[in-house]
């Protein structure tokens, strides 16, 4: 995956948020974006995912210029649903009205029910959660919910994965364990990933770190 990103704030005080950022990530690699709050890290992920136009109340509108390539395909003008990019956030965002297994089944393509259930149960086993399928997500620990969220994202067969501070709400011991779990699955799936974090301990590869600064 390669991208050339320029993000501007729109409105009366139009200004650059991220200027001419060029990144390249190979399959199985995790590139880390770091920098102070407000420098545009999460906005870069939103530009890649195609969600930058979704502006929250009270925030400045943002405009993206540049190009995003994945496996040789230009994603720049494609809608979010057609980009094939998975997203993991600080919050696990599991569906509260669905069981654990139903959360995983939601990500799977249509097909025979038995085969889909077997694939979802295999994912739970890989996450160390065999037998948890019928549980209410609210009964799981934070680390267990995080693992379910990751497996759900991977079951959707993403072509790339974006991670926006996914470890920040876990305690130190669990954070280290889950970090290795995530990086191992990215390598196994052989997909490129971009990680946003403030913690240097989260860096997967010291040679793949980009520090953003305020563009002014």
N, C-alpha and C. Protein backbone atom coordinates (compact mmCIF):
# COMPACT_ATOMS: atom_id res chain seq x y z
N UNK A 1 0.85 -1.19 0.00
CA UNK A 1 0.00 0.00 0.00
C UNK A 1 0.88 1.23 0.00
N UNK A 2 0.59 2.17 -0.86
CA UNK A 2 1.32 3.43 -0.88
C UNK A 2 0.33 4.58 -0.91
N UNK A 3 0.70 5.69 -0.30
CA UNK A 3 -0.18 6.84 -0.29
C UNK A 3 0.60 8.13 -0.27
N UNK A 4 0.01 9.11 -0.89
CA UNK A 4 0.50 10.48 -0.90
C UNK A 4 -0.65 11.33 -0.41
N UNK A 5 -0.54 11.91 0.78
CA UNK A 5 -1.66 12.55 1.45
C UNK A 5 -1.38 14.01 1.75
N UNK A 6 -2.33 14.86 1.40
CA UNK A 6 -2.32 16.26 1.84
C UNK A 6 -3.72 16.56 2.34
N UNK A 7 -3.83 16.97 3.61
CA UNK A 7 -5.13 17.22 4.23
C UNK A 7 -5.20 18.68 4.66
N UNK A 8 -6.27 19.34 4.25
CA UNK A 8 -6.46 20.75 4.58
C UNK A 8 -7.70 20.94 5.43
N UNK A 9 -7.61 21.90 6.36
CA UNK A 9 -8.81 22.35 7.07
C UNK A 9 -9.52 23.37 6.18
N UNK A 10 -10.83 23.23 6.08
CA UNK A 10 -11.62 24.14 5.26
C UNK A 10 -12.29 25.19 6.14
N UNK A 11 -12.86 26.18 5.50
CA UNK A 11 -13.55 27.23 6.25
C UNK A 11 -12.79 28.54 6.18
N UNK A 12 -13.18 29.47 7.07
CA UNK A 12 -12.60 30.81 7.04
C UNK A 12 -11.11 30.84 7.26
N UNK A 13 -10.60 29.93 8.12
CA UNK A 13 -9.17 29.90 8.40
C UNK A 13 -8.56 28.64 7.79
N UNK A 14 -8.73 28.47 6.50
CA UNK A 14 -8.22 27.28 5.82
C UNK A 14 -6.72 27.14 6.02
N UNK A 15 -6.28 25.93 6.32
CA UNK A 15 -4.86 25.71 6.54
C UNK A 15 -4.55 24.24 6.35
N UNK A 16 -3.27 23.92 6.21
CA UNK A 16 -2.86 22.53 6.05
C UNK A 16 -2.81 21.84 7.41
N UNK A 17 -3.30 20.60 7.45
CA UNK A 17 -3.19 19.77 8.64
C UNK A 17 -2.05 18.76 8.45
N UNK A 18 -2.03 18.11 7.29
CA UNK A 18 -0.96 17.18 6.93
C UNK A 18 -0.48 17.55 5.54
N UNK A 19 0.81 17.81 5.39
CA UNK A 19 1.34 18.29 4.11
C UNK A 19 2.18 17.23 3.42
N UNK A 20 1.73 16.82 2.23
CA UNK A 20 2.52 15.96 1.34
C UNK A 20 3.19 14.79 2.08
N UNK A 21 2.40 14.02 2.77
CA UNK A 21 2.88 12.84 3.47
C UNK A 21 2.93 11.66 2.49
N UNK A 22 4.07 11.03 2.37
CA UNK A 22 4.23 9.87 1.48
C UNK A 22 4.63 8.65 2.30
N UNK A 23 3.83 7.60 2.18
CA UNK A 23 4.07 6.38 2.94
C UNK A 23 3.99 5.17 2.02
N UNK A 24 4.72 4.12 2.38
CA UNK A 24 4.62 2.85 1.67
C UNK A 24 4.74 1.73 2.69
N UNK A 25 3.79 0.78 2.62
CA UNK A 25 3.76 -0.33 3.56
C UNK A 25 3.61 -1.62 2.76
N UNK A 26 4.48 -2.59 3.04
CA UNK A 26 4.43 -3.87 2.35
C UNK A 26 3.51 -4.85 3.10
N UNK A 27 3.00 -5.88 2.42
CA UNK A 27 2.16 -6.89 3.08
C UNK A 27 2.87 -7.50 4.28
N UNK A 28 2.16 -7.61 5.39
CA UNK A 28 2.72 -8.18 6.61
C UNK A 28 3.46 -7.18 7.48
N UNK A 29 3.64 -5.95 7.00
CA UNK A 29 4.33 -4.91 7.77
C UNK A 29 3.33 -4.04 8.53
N UNK A 30 3.81 -3.46 9.64
CA UNK A 30 3.03 -2.49 10.41
C UNK A 30 3.81 -1.19 10.46
N UNK A 31 3.33 -0.17 9.78
CA UNK A 31 3.95 1.15 9.82
C UNK A 31 3.30 1.94 10.95
N UNK A 32 4.11 2.59 11.78
CA UNK A 32 3.61 3.33 12.93
C UNK A 32 3.64 4.82 12.67
N UNK A 33 2.50 5.47 12.91
CA UNK A 33 2.39 6.93 12.85
C UNK A 33 2.37 7.47 14.27
N UNK A 34 3.26 8.40 14.57
CA UNK A 34 3.32 9.01 15.89
C UNK A 34 3.31 10.53 15.75
N UNK A 35 3.12 11.20 16.87
CA UNK A 35 3.12 12.66 16.86
C UNK A 35 2.16 13.20 17.90
N UNK A 36 2.22 14.50 18.18
CA UNK A 36 1.36 15.10 19.21
C UNK A 36 -0.11 15.07 18.81
N UNK A 37 -0.98 15.17 19.81
CA UNK A 37 -2.42 15.21 19.55
C UNK A 37 -2.75 16.37 18.62
N UNK A 38 -3.64 16.12 17.67
CA UNK A 38 -4.07 17.17 16.77
C UNK A 38 -3.21 17.37 15.55
N UNK A 39 -2.19 16.51 15.36
CA UNK A 39 -1.29 16.70 14.22
C UNK A 39 -1.80 16.02 12.94
N UNK A 40 -2.87 15.23 13.06
CA UNK A 40 -3.47 14.65 11.87
C UNK A 40 -3.32 13.16 11.70
N UNK A 41 -2.85 12.45 12.75
CA UNK A 41 -2.64 11.01 12.62
C UNK A 41 -3.93 10.26 12.27
N UNK A 42 -4.96 10.50 13.06
CA UNK A 42 -6.22 9.81 12.80
C UNK A 42 -6.86 10.28 11.50
N UNK A 43 -6.59 11.51 11.11
CA UNK A 43 -7.13 12.02 9.84
C UNK A 43 -6.49 11.30 8.65
N UNK A 44 -5.22 10.93 8.79
CA UNK A 44 -4.56 10.15 7.73
C UNK A 44 -5.27 8.81 7.58
N UNK A 45 -5.56 8.14 8.71
CA UNK A 45 -6.28 6.87 8.64
C UNK A 45 -7.66 7.06 7.99
N UNK A 46 -8.34 8.15 8.35
CA UNK A 46 -9.65 8.41 7.77
C UNK A 46 -9.56 8.65 6.27
N UNK A 47 -8.50 9.30 5.82
CA UNK A 47 -8.31 9.52 4.39
C UNK A 47 -8.12 8.20 3.67
N UNK A 48 -7.34 7.29 4.27
CA UNK A 48 -7.11 5.98 3.66
C UNK A 48 -8.41 5.17 3.63
N UNK A 49 -9.17 5.24 4.72
CA UNK A 49 -10.42 4.47 4.81
C UNK A 49 -11.54 5.07 3.97
N UNK A 50 -11.41 6.35 3.62
CA UNK A 50 -12.45 7.01 2.85
C UNK A 50 -13.53 7.64 3.70
N UNK A 51 -13.23 7.89 4.99
CA UNK A 51 -14.23 8.45 5.90
C UNK A 51 -13.90 9.88 6.32
N UNK A 52 -12.96 10.51 5.67
CA UNK A 52 -12.53 11.83 6.12
C UNK A 52 -13.65 12.86 6.02
N UNK A 53 -14.58 12.65 5.12
CA UNK A 53 -15.67 13.60 4.95
C UNK A 53 -16.70 13.57 6.07
N UNK A 54 -16.62 12.55 6.95
CA UNK A 54 -17.57 12.46 8.06
C UNK A 54 -17.09 13.37 9.18
N UNK A 55 -17.65 14.57 9.27
CA UNK A 55 -17.18 15.59 10.21
C UNK A 55 -18.07 15.63 11.44
N UNK A 56 -17.46 15.52 12.61
CA UNK A 56 -18.22 15.59 13.86
C UNK A 56 -18.62 17.04 14.16
N UNK A 57 -19.69 17.19 14.92
CA UNK A 57 -20.19 18.52 15.27
C UNK A 57 -19.10 19.32 16.00
N UNK A 58 -18.90 20.55 15.59
CA UNK A 58 -17.93 21.41 16.23
C UNK A 58 -16.53 21.29 15.68
N UNK A 59 -16.29 20.37 14.72
CA UNK A 59 -14.97 20.21 14.15
C UNK A 59 -14.91 20.88 12.78
N UNK A 60 -13.71 21.28 12.38
CA UNK A 60 -13.51 21.86 11.07
C UNK A 60 -13.63 20.78 10.00
N UNK A 61 -14.22 21.15 8.88
CA UNK A 61 -14.27 20.23 7.75
C UNK A 61 -12.87 20.03 7.20
N UNK A 62 -12.60 18.83 6.70
CA UNK A 62 -11.27 18.50 6.18
C UNK A 62 -11.39 18.07 4.73
N UNK A 63 -10.40 18.43 3.96
CA UNK A 63 -10.36 18.09 2.54
C UNK A 63 -9.08 17.32 2.25
N UNK A 64 -9.20 16.24 1.48
CA UNK A 64 -8.07 15.38 1.17
C UNK A 64 -7.65 15.54 -0.29
N UNK A 65 -6.35 15.70 -0.49
CA UNK A 65 -5.78 15.68 -1.83
C UNK A 65 -4.69 14.63 -1.84
N UNK A 66 -4.57 13.88 -2.93
CA UNK A 66 -3.50 12.89 -3.01
C UNK A 66 -3.97 11.63 -3.70
N UNK A 67 -3.27 10.53 -3.41
CA UNK A 67 -3.54 9.27 -4.08
C UNK A 67 -3.25 8.13 -3.12
N UNK A 68 -4.11 7.11 -3.14
CA UNK A 68 -3.96 5.93 -2.30
C UNK A 68 -3.99 4.70 -3.19
N UNK A 69 -2.92 3.93 -3.16
CA UNK A 69 -2.81 2.73 -3.98
C UNK A 69 -2.71 1.49 -3.10
N UNK A 70 -3.46 0.45 -3.44
CA UNK A 70 -3.41 -0.81 -2.71
C UNK A 70 -3.42 -1.95 -3.72
N UNK A 71 -2.36 -2.74 -3.72
CA UNK A 71 -2.21 -3.83 -4.70
C UNK A 71 -2.34 -3.31 -6.13
N UNK A 72 -1.83 -2.11 -6.36
CA UNK A 72 -1.87 -1.53 -7.69
C UNK A 72 -3.18 -0.86 -8.05
N UNK A 73 -4.18 -0.95 -7.18
CA UNK A 73 -5.48 -0.33 -7.45
C UNK A 73 -5.56 1.04 -6.79
N UNK A 74 -6.06 2.01 -7.53
CA UNK A 74 -6.23 3.36 -7.00
C UNK A 74 -7.54 3.42 -6.22
N UNK A 75 -7.44 3.62 -4.91
CA UNK A 75 -8.62 3.66 -4.05
C UNK A 75 -9.17 5.06 -3.85
N UNK A 76 -8.46 6.06 -4.36
CA UNK A 76 -8.71 7.44 -3.99
C UNK A 76 -10.17 7.85 -4.14
N UNK A 77 -10.83 7.41 -5.20
CA UNK A 77 -12.21 7.84 -5.45
C UNK A 77 -13.24 6.78 -5.10
N UNK A 78 -12.79 5.66 -4.55
CA UNK A 78 -13.73 4.60 -4.22
C UNK A 78 -14.44 4.90 -2.90
N UNK A 79 -15.72 4.52 -2.77
CA UNK A 79 -16.40 4.67 -1.47
C UNK A 79 -15.79 3.72 -0.45
N UNK A 80 -15.99 4.02 0.81
CA UNK A 80 -15.41 3.25 1.90
C UNK A 80 -15.71 1.75 1.78
N UNK A 81 -16.96 1.41 1.48
CA UNK A 81 -17.38 0.02 1.46
C UNK A 81 -16.67 -0.81 0.40
N UNK A 82 -16.10 -0.15 -0.61
CA UNK A 82 -15.45 -0.89 -1.70
C UNK A 82 -13.93 -0.90 -1.58
N UNK A 83 -13.39 -0.33 -0.52
CA UNK A 83 -11.93 -0.26 -0.38
C UNK A 83 -11.33 -1.53 0.23
N UNK A 84 -12.12 -2.28 0.96
CA UNK A 84 -11.62 -3.51 1.56
C UNK A 84 -10.61 -3.28 2.67
N UNK A 85 -10.82 -2.24 3.46
CA UNK A 85 -9.89 -1.88 4.52
C UNK A 85 -10.54 -2.10 5.88
N UNK A 86 -9.85 -2.83 6.77
CA UNK A 86 -10.36 -3.07 8.11
C UNK A 86 -9.92 -1.98 9.07
N UNK A 87 -10.74 -1.74 10.10
CA UNK A 87 -10.48 -0.67 11.06
C UNK A 87 -10.59 -1.22 12.48
N UNK A 88 -9.60 -0.90 13.32
CA UNK A 88 -9.62 -1.24 14.73
C UNK A 88 -9.38 0.04 15.52
N UNK A 89 -10.24 0.31 16.51
CA UNK A 89 -10.16 1.56 17.27
C UNK A 89 -9.83 1.29 18.74
N UNK A 90 -9.79 2.37 19.54
CA UNK A 90 -9.61 2.22 20.99
C UNK A 90 -10.74 1.39 21.57
N UNK A 91 -11.97 1.69 21.18
CA UNK A 91 -13.14 0.94 21.63
C UNK A 91 -13.35 -0.26 20.71
N UNK A 92 -13.79 -1.37 21.27
CA UNK A 92 -13.95 -2.58 20.46
C UNK A 92 -15.13 -2.50 19.51
N UNK A 93 -16.17 -1.71 19.86
CA UNK A 93 -17.33 -1.48 18.99
C UNK A 93 -18.06 -2.79 18.64
N UNK A 94 -18.07 -3.74 19.56
CA UNK A 94 -18.87 -4.94 19.35
C UNK A 94 -20.36 -4.59 19.44
N UNK A 95 -21.17 -5.31 18.69
CA UNK A 95 -22.61 -5.07 18.71
C UNK A 95 -23.19 -5.65 20.00
N UNK A 96 -23.75 -4.77 20.83
CA UNK A 96 -24.23 -5.19 22.14
C UNK A 96 -25.44 -6.13 22.05
N UNK A 97 -26.22 -6.04 20.97
CA UNK A 97 -27.44 -6.85 20.84
C UNK A 97 -27.16 -8.22 20.23
N UNK A 98 -25.89 -8.49 19.87
CA UNK A 98 -25.51 -9.77 19.28
C UNK A 98 -24.60 -10.54 20.22
N UNK A 99 -24.66 -11.86 20.15
CA UNK A 99 -23.73 -12.68 20.92
C UNK A 99 -22.34 -12.57 20.32
N UNK A 100 -21.35 -13.14 21.00
CA UNK A 100 -19.97 -13.11 20.50
C UNK A 100 -19.89 -13.74 19.12
N UNK A 101 -20.48 -14.93 18.95
CA UNK A 101 -20.40 -15.61 17.65
C UNK A 101 -21.15 -14.84 16.59
N UNK A 102 -22.25 -14.19 16.94
CA UNK A 102 -23.01 -13.40 15.97
C UNK A 102 -22.22 -12.18 15.53
N UNK A 103 -21.43 -11.61 16.43
CA UNK A 103 -20.56 -10.51 16.03
C UNK A 103 -19.57 -10.96 14.96
N UNK A 104 -19.03 -12.17 15.11
CA UNK A 104 -18.08 -12.68 14.13
C UNK A 104 -18.79 -13.04 12.82
N UNK A 105 -19.96 -13.64 12.91
CA UNK A 105 -20.70 -14.02 11.71
C UNK A 105 -21.08 -12.81 10.87
N UNK A 106 -21.25 -11.67 11.54
CA UNK A 106 -21.60 -10.43 10.83
C UNK A 106 -20.53 -10.08 9.79
N UNK A 107 -19.28 -10.43 10.07
CA UNK A 107 -18.18 -10.05 9.18
C UNK A 107 -18.01 -11.01 8.01
N UNK A 108 -18.58 -12.21 8.11
CA UNK A 108 -18.34 -13.23 7.10
C UNK A 108 -19.26 -13.05 5.89
N UNK A 109 -18.74 -13.41 4.73
CA UNK A 109 -19.53 -13.36 3.50
C UNK A 109 -20.66 -14.39 3.57
N UNK A 110 -21.75 -14.16 2.85
CA UNK A 110 -22.85 -15.14 2.83
C UNK A 110 -22.36 -16.51 2.36
N UNK A 111 -23.00 -17.55 2.87
CA UNK A 111 -22.63 -18.91 2.48
C UNK A 111 -23.35 -19.90 3.36
N UNK A 112 -23.01 -21.19 3.25
CA UNK A 112 -23.67 -22.20 4.08
C UNK A 112 -23.50 -21.92 5.57
N UNK A 113 -24.58 -22.01 6.30
CA UNK A 113 -24.56 -21.65 7.73
C UNK A 113 -23.56 -22.47 8.52
N UNK A 114 -23.47 -23.77 8.23
CA UNK A 114 -22.57 -24.64 8.99
C UNK A 114 -21.11 -24.22 8.78
N UNK A 115 -20.76 -23.92 7.52
CA UNK A 115 -19.39 -23.53 7.21
C UNK A 115 -19.05 -22.18 7.84
N UNK A 116 -20.00 -21.25 7.83
CA UNK A 116 -19.76 -19.93 8.42
C UNK A 116 -19.57 -20.06 9.93
N UNK A 117 -20.40 -20.86 10.57
CA UNK A 117 -20.29 -21.06 12.02
C UNK A 117 -18.94 -21.69 12.37
N UNK A 118 -18.53 -22.67 11.55
CA UNK A 118 -17.25 -23.34 11.82
C UNK A 118 -16.09 -22.36 11.69
N UNK A 119 -16.15 -21.46 10.71
CA UNK A 119 -15.08 -20.48 10.54
C UNK A 119 -15.04 -19.51 11.71
N UNK A 120 -16.21 -19.09 12.17
CA UNK A 120 -16.27 -18.16 13.31
C UNK A 120 -15.75 -18.84 14.58
N UNK A 121 -16.10 -20.11 14.78
CA UNK A 121 -15.63 -20.83 15.96
C UNK A 121 -14.12 -21.06 15.91
N UNK A 122 -13.59 -21.28 14.70
CA UNK A 122 -12.14 -21.42 14.55
C UNK A 122 -11.44 -20.12 14.93
N UNK A 123 -12.03 -18.99 14.55
CA UNK A 123 -11.45 -17.69 14.90
C UNK A 123 -11.44 -17.50 16.41
N UNK A 124 -12.52 -17.92 17.08
CA UNK A 124 -12.56 -17.83 18.54
C UNK A 124 -11.49 -18.71 19.18
N UNK A 125 -11.29 -19.89 18.62
CA UNK A 125 -10.26 -20.78 19.15
C UNK A 125 -8.88 -20.16 19.01
N UNK A 126 -8.62 -19.51 17.86
CA UNK A 126 -7.33 -18.84 17.64
C UNK A 126 -7.13 -17.71 18.65
N UNK A 127 -8.23 -17.11 19.06
CA UNK A 127 -8.15 -16.01 20.03
C UNK A 127 -8.13 -16.50 21.47
N UNK A 128 -8.12 -17.81 21.66
CA UNK A 128 -8.13 -18.36 23.01
C UNK A 128 -9.48 -18.26 23.67
N UNK A 129 -10.55 -18.20 22.86
CA UNK A 129 -11.90 -18.01 23.39
C UNK A 129 -12.85 -19.11 22.93
N UNK A 130 -12.33 -20.30 22.74
CA UNK A 130 -13.19 -21.43 22.35
C UNK A 130 -14.28 -21.63 23.40
N UNK A 131 -15.51 -21.82 22.93
CA UNK A 131 -16.63 -22.01 23.83
C UNK A 131 -17.31 -20.74 24.29
N UNK A 132 -16.80 -19.58 23.84
CA UNK A 132 -17.37 -18.30 24.26
C UNK A 132 -18.42 -17.77 23.29
N UNK A 133 -18.75 -18.52 22.23
CA UNK A 133 -19.58 -18.01 21.16
C UNK A 133 -20.94 -17.51 21.58
N UNK A 134 -21.57 -18.17 22.53
CA UNK A 134 -22.93 -17.79 22.92
C UNK A 134 -22.96 -16.75 24.04
N UNK A 135 -21.80 -16.29 24.44
CA UNK A 135 -21.73 -15.30 25.51
C UNK A 135 -22.19 -13.92 25.03
N UNK A 136 -22.69 -13.14 25.96
CA UNK A 136 -22.98 -11.72 25.73
C UNK A 136 -21.64 -10.98 25.77
N UNK A 137 -21.34 -10.12 24.76
CA UNK A 137 -20.05 -9.40 24.79
C UNK A 137 -19.81 -8.63 26.08
N UNK A 138 -20.89 -8.19 26.73
CA UNK A 138 -20.75 -7.42 27.97
C UNK A 138 -20.15 -8.24 29.09
N UNK A 139 -20.18 -9.57 28.98
CA UNK A 139 -19.64 -10.42 30.04
C UNK A 139 -18.15 -10.70 29.85
N UNK A 140 -17.56 -10.23 28.75
CA UNK A 140 -16.15 -10.47 28.49
C UNK A 140 -15.29 -9.38 29.12
N UNK A 141 -14.04 -9.71 29.37
CA UNK A 141 -13.08 -8.71 29.85
C UNK A 141 -12.68 -7.80 28.70
N UNK A 142 -12.00 -6.72 29.03
CA UNK A 142 -11.56 -5.79 27.99
C UNK A 142 -10.64 -6.45 26.98
N UNK A 143 -9.71 -7.29 27.46
CA UNK A 143 -8.80 -7.96 26.55
C UNK A 143 -9.51 -8.97 25.66
N UNK A 144 -10.50 -9.67 26.23
CA UNK A 144 -11.27 -10.63 25.43
C UNK A 144 -12.07 -9.91 24.35
N UNK A 145 -12.69 -8.82 24.71
CA UNK A 145 -13.46 -8.05 23.73
C UNK A 145 -12.55 -7.53 22.61
N UNK A 146 -11.35 -7.09 22.98
CA UNK A 146 -10.41 -6.60 21.98
C UNK A 146 -10.03 -7.70 20.99
N UNK A 147 -9.85 -8.92 21.51
CA UNK A 147 -9.51 -10.05 20.62
C UNK A 147 -10.67 -10.38 19.68
N UNK A 148 -11.89 -10.33 20.20
CA UNK A 148 -13.05 -10.59 19.34
C UNK A 148 -13.14 -9.54 18.24
N UNK A 149 -12.90 -8.27 18.61
CA UNK A 149 -12.96 -7.19 17.61
C UNK A 149 -11.92 -7.39 16.51
N UNK A 150 -10.72 -7.82 16.88
CA UNK A 150 -9.69 -8.06 15.88
C UNK A 150 -10.09 -9.22 14.97
N UNK A 151 -10.57 -10.32 15.55
CA UNK A 151 -10.95 -11.47 14.74
C UNK A 151 -12.11 -11.11 13.81
N UNK A 152 -13.04 -10.30 14.29
CA UNK A 152 -14.13 -9.87 13.42
C UNK A 152 -13.60 -9.08 12.23
N UNK A 153 -12.65 -8.19 12.48
CA UNK A 153 -12.07 -7.41 11.38
C UNK A 153 -11.36 -8.31 10.39
N UNK A 154 -10.64 -9.33 10.88
CA UNK A 154 -9.89 -10.21 9.99
C UNK A 154 -10.79 -11.16 9.22
N UNK A 155 -11.92 -11.58 9.82
CA UNK A 155 -12.85 -12.46 9.13
C UNK A 155 -13.47 -11.80 7.91
N UNK A 156 -13.47 -10.48 7.88
CA UNK A 156 -14.00 -9.75 6.72
C UNK A 156 -13.01 -9.76 5.55
N UNK A 157 -11.86 -10.41 5.73
CA UNK A 157 -10.83 -10.52 4.70
C UNK A 157 -10.37 -9.15 4.19
N UNK A 158 -9.92 -8.27 5.08
CA UNK A 158 -9.48 -6.94 4.62
C UNK A 158 -8.20 -7.04 3.80
N UNK A 159 -8.04 -6.10 2.88
CA UNK A 159 -6.83 -6.03 2.08
C UNK A 159 -5.75 -5.23 2.80
N UNK A 160 -6.14 -4.47 3.80
CA UNK A 160 -5.22 -3.69 4.64
C UNK A 160 -5.94 -3.43 5.96
N UNK A 161 -5.15 -3.09 6.99
CA UNK A 161 -5.73 -2.87 8.32
C UNK A 161 -5.22 -1.55 8.88
N UNK A 162 -6.14 -0.76 9.43
CA UNK A 162 -5.80 0.50 10.08
C UNK A 162 -6.11 0.38 11.56
N UNK A 163 -5.16 0.77 12.41
CA UNK A 163 -5.30 0.61 13.85
C UNK A 163 -5.10 1.96 14.53
N UNK A 164 -6.17 2.47 15.14
CA UNK A 164 -6.13 3.78 15.78
C UNK A 164 -6.08 3.61 17.29
N UNK A 165 -4.86 3.57 17.84
CA UNK A 165 -4.60 3.41 19.28
C UNK A 165 -5.38 2.23 19.88
N UNK A 166 -5.29 1.05 19.28
CA UNK A 166 -6.11 -0.08 19.76
C UNK A 166 -5.67 -0.65 21.10
N UNK A 167 -4.47 -0.30 21.58
CA UNK A 167 -3.96 -0.88 22.82
C UNK A 167 -4.10 0.06 24.02
N UNK A 168 -4.54 1.28 23.79
CA UNK A 168 -4.40 2.34 24.80
C UNK A 168 -5.24 2.11 26.04
N UNK A 169 -6.31 1.35 25.97
CA UNK A 169 -7.19 1.18 27.13
C UNK A 169 -6.91 -0.12 27.90
N UNK A 170 -5.86 -0.83 27.51
CA UNK A 170 -5.52 -2.07 28.18
C UNK A 170 -4.41 -1.84 29.19
N UNK A 171 -4.39 -2.64 30.28
CA UNK A 171 -3.31 -2.49 31.25
C UNK A 171 -2.00 -2.99 30.64
N UNK A 172 -0.89 -2.69 31.28
CA UNK A 172 0.43 -2.91 30.68
C UNK A 172 0.68 -4.36 30.28
N UNK A 173 0.34 -5.31 31.17
CA UNK A 173 0.60 -6.72 30.87
C UNK A 173 -0.27 -7.20 29.72
N UNK A 174 -1.54 -6.85 29.76
CA UNK A 174 -2.46 -7.27 28.70
C UNK A 174 -2.13 -6.57 27.39
N UNK A 175 -1.68 -5.34 27.49
CA UNK A 175 -1.33 -4.57 26.29
C UNK A 175 -0.21 -5.26 25.51
N UNK A 176 0.82 -5.71 26.21
CA UNK A 176 1.93 -6.38 25.56
C UNK A 176 1.47 -7.67 24.89
N UNK A 177 0.64 -8.43 25.58
CA UNK A 177 0.14 -9.71 25.05
C UNK A 177 -0.72 -9.48 23.82
N UNK A 178 -1.63 -8.52 23.90
CA UNK A 178 -2.55 -8.27 22.78
C UNK A 178 -1.80 -7.68 21.58
N UNK A 179 -0.79 -6.85 21.87
CA UNK A 179 0.01 -6.27 20.79
C UNK A 179 0.64 -7.37 19.94
N UNK A 180 1.25 -8.35 20.59
CA UNK A 180 1.87 -9.45 19.86
C UNK A 180 0.83 -10.29 19.12
N UNK A 181 -0.34 -10.43 19.72
CA UNK A 181 -1.44 -11.15 19.08
C UNK A 181 -1.84 -10.45 17.78
N UNK A 182 -1.98 -9.13 17.83
CA UNK A 182 -2.37 -8.35 16.64
C UNK A 182 -1.29 -8.43 15.56
N UNK A 183 -0.05 -8.17 15.94
CA UNK A 183 1.03 -8.15 14.94
C UNK A 183 1.21 -9.54 14.31
N UNK A 184 1.05 -10.58 15.11
CA UNK A 184 1.18 -11.93 14.58
C UNK A 184 0.12 -12.23 13.54
N UNK A 185 -1.11 -11.78 13.77
CA UNK A 185 -2.19 -12.03 12.81
C UNK A 185 -2.02 -11.18 11.55
N UNK A 186 -1.45 -10.00 11.68
CA UNK A 186 -1.18 -9.18 10.50
C UNK A 186 -0.14 -9.87 9.61
N UNK A 187 0.90 -10.41 10.25
CA UNK A 187 1.91 -11.13 9.48
C UNK A 187 1.32 -12.37 8.82
N UNK A 188 0.48 -13.11 9.57
CA UNK A 188 -0.11 -14.34 9.05
C UNK A 188 -1.06 -14.04 7.89
N UNK A 189 -1.81 -12.95 8.00
CA UNK A 189 -2.75 -12.58 6.94
C UNK A 189 -2.04 -11.95 5.75
N UNK A 190 -0.79 -11.55 5.94
CA UNK A 190 0.05 -10.96 4.89
C UNK A 190 -0.63 -9.73 4.28
N UNK A 191 -1.04 -8.82 5.18
CA UNK A 191 -1.66 -7.57 4.74
C UNK A 191 -0.89 -6.39 5.33
N UNK A 192 -0.88 -5.25 4.64
CA UNK A 192 -0.22 -4.07 5.19
C UNK A 192 -1.09 -3.43 6.28
N UNK A 193 -0.44 -2.81 7.26
CA UNK A 193 -1.18 -2.17 8.35
C UNK A 193 -0.52 -0.84 8.72
N UNK A 194 -1.35 0.10 9.15
CA UNK A 194 -0.86 1.38 9.67
C UNK A 194 -1.41 1.53 11.08
N UNK A 195 -0.51 1.78 12.03
CA UNK A 195 -0.85 1.91 13.44
C UNK A 195 -0.62 3.34 13.91
N UNK A 196 -1.62 3.93 14.55
CA UNK A 196 -1.47 5.22 15.22
C UNK A 196 -1.33 4.97 16.71
N UNK A 197 -0.31 5.55 17.33
CA UNK A 197 -0.09 5.37 18.76
C UNK A 197 0.73 6.53 19.31
N UNK A 198 0.67 6.70 20.64
CA UNK A 198 1.54 7.64 21.34
C UNK A 198 2.64 6.92 22.09
N UNK A 199 2.59 5.59 22.14
CA UNK A 199 3.48 4.79 22.98
C UNK A 199 4.55 4.11 22.13
N UNK A 200 5.80 4.42 22.39
CA UNK A 200 6.89 3.81 21.61
C UNK A 200 6.96 2.29 21.78
N UNK A 201 6.40 1.78 22.88
CA UNK A 201 6.40 0.33 23.09
C UNK A 201 5.52 -0.38 22.08
N UNK A 202 4.62 0.34 21.42
CA UNK A 202 3.72 -0.25 20.44
C UNK A 202 4.37 -0.43 19.07
N UNK A 203 5.55 0.11 18.87
CA UNK A 203 6.18 0.08 17.55
C UNK A 203 6.54 -1.36 17.18
N UNK A 204 6.05 -1.79 16.02
CA UNK A 204 6.33 -3.15 15.56
C UNK A 204 7.70 -3.25 14.90
N UNK A 205 8.10 -2.21 14.18
CA UNK A 205 9.36 -2.21 13.44
C UNK A 205 9.95 -0.80 13.52
N UNK A 206 11.06 -0.60 14.22
CA UNK A 206 11.65 0.74 14.37
C UNK A 206 12.01 1.40 13.05
N UNK A 207 12.17 0.61 11.99
CA UNK A 207 12.49 1.19 10.68
C UNK A 207 11.25 1.68 9.95
N UNK A 208 10.07 1.42 10.53
CA UNK A 208 8.82 1.83 9.89
C UNK A 208 8.02 2.73 10.83
N UNK A 209 8.64 3.86 11.18
CA UNK A 209 8.02 4.85 12.05
C UNK A 209 8.04 6.20 11.36
N UNK A 210 6.88 6.87 11.34
CA UNK A 210 6.78 8.21 10.77
C UNK A 210 6.25 9.14 11.86
N UNK A 211 6.98 10.20 12.12
CA UNK A 211 6.61 11.18 13.14
C UNK A 211 5.96 12.38 12.46
N UNK A 212 4.69 12.63 12.79
CA UNK A 212 4.01 13.79 12.25
C UNK A 212 4.18 14.97 13.20
N UNK A 213 4.21 16.14 12.63
CA UNK A 213 4.27 17.37 13.42
C UNK A 213 3.14 18.27 12.98
N UNK A 214 2.85 19.29 13.78
CA UNK A 214 1.83 20.23 13.39
C UNK A 214 2.29 21.00 12.16
N UNK A 215 1.45 20.98 11.12
CA UNK A 215 1.82 21.64 9.87
C UNK A 215 1.75 23.14 9.98
N UNK A 216 1.05 23.61 10.98
CA UNK A 216 0.94 25.05 11.15
C UNK A 216 -0.11 25.64 10.27
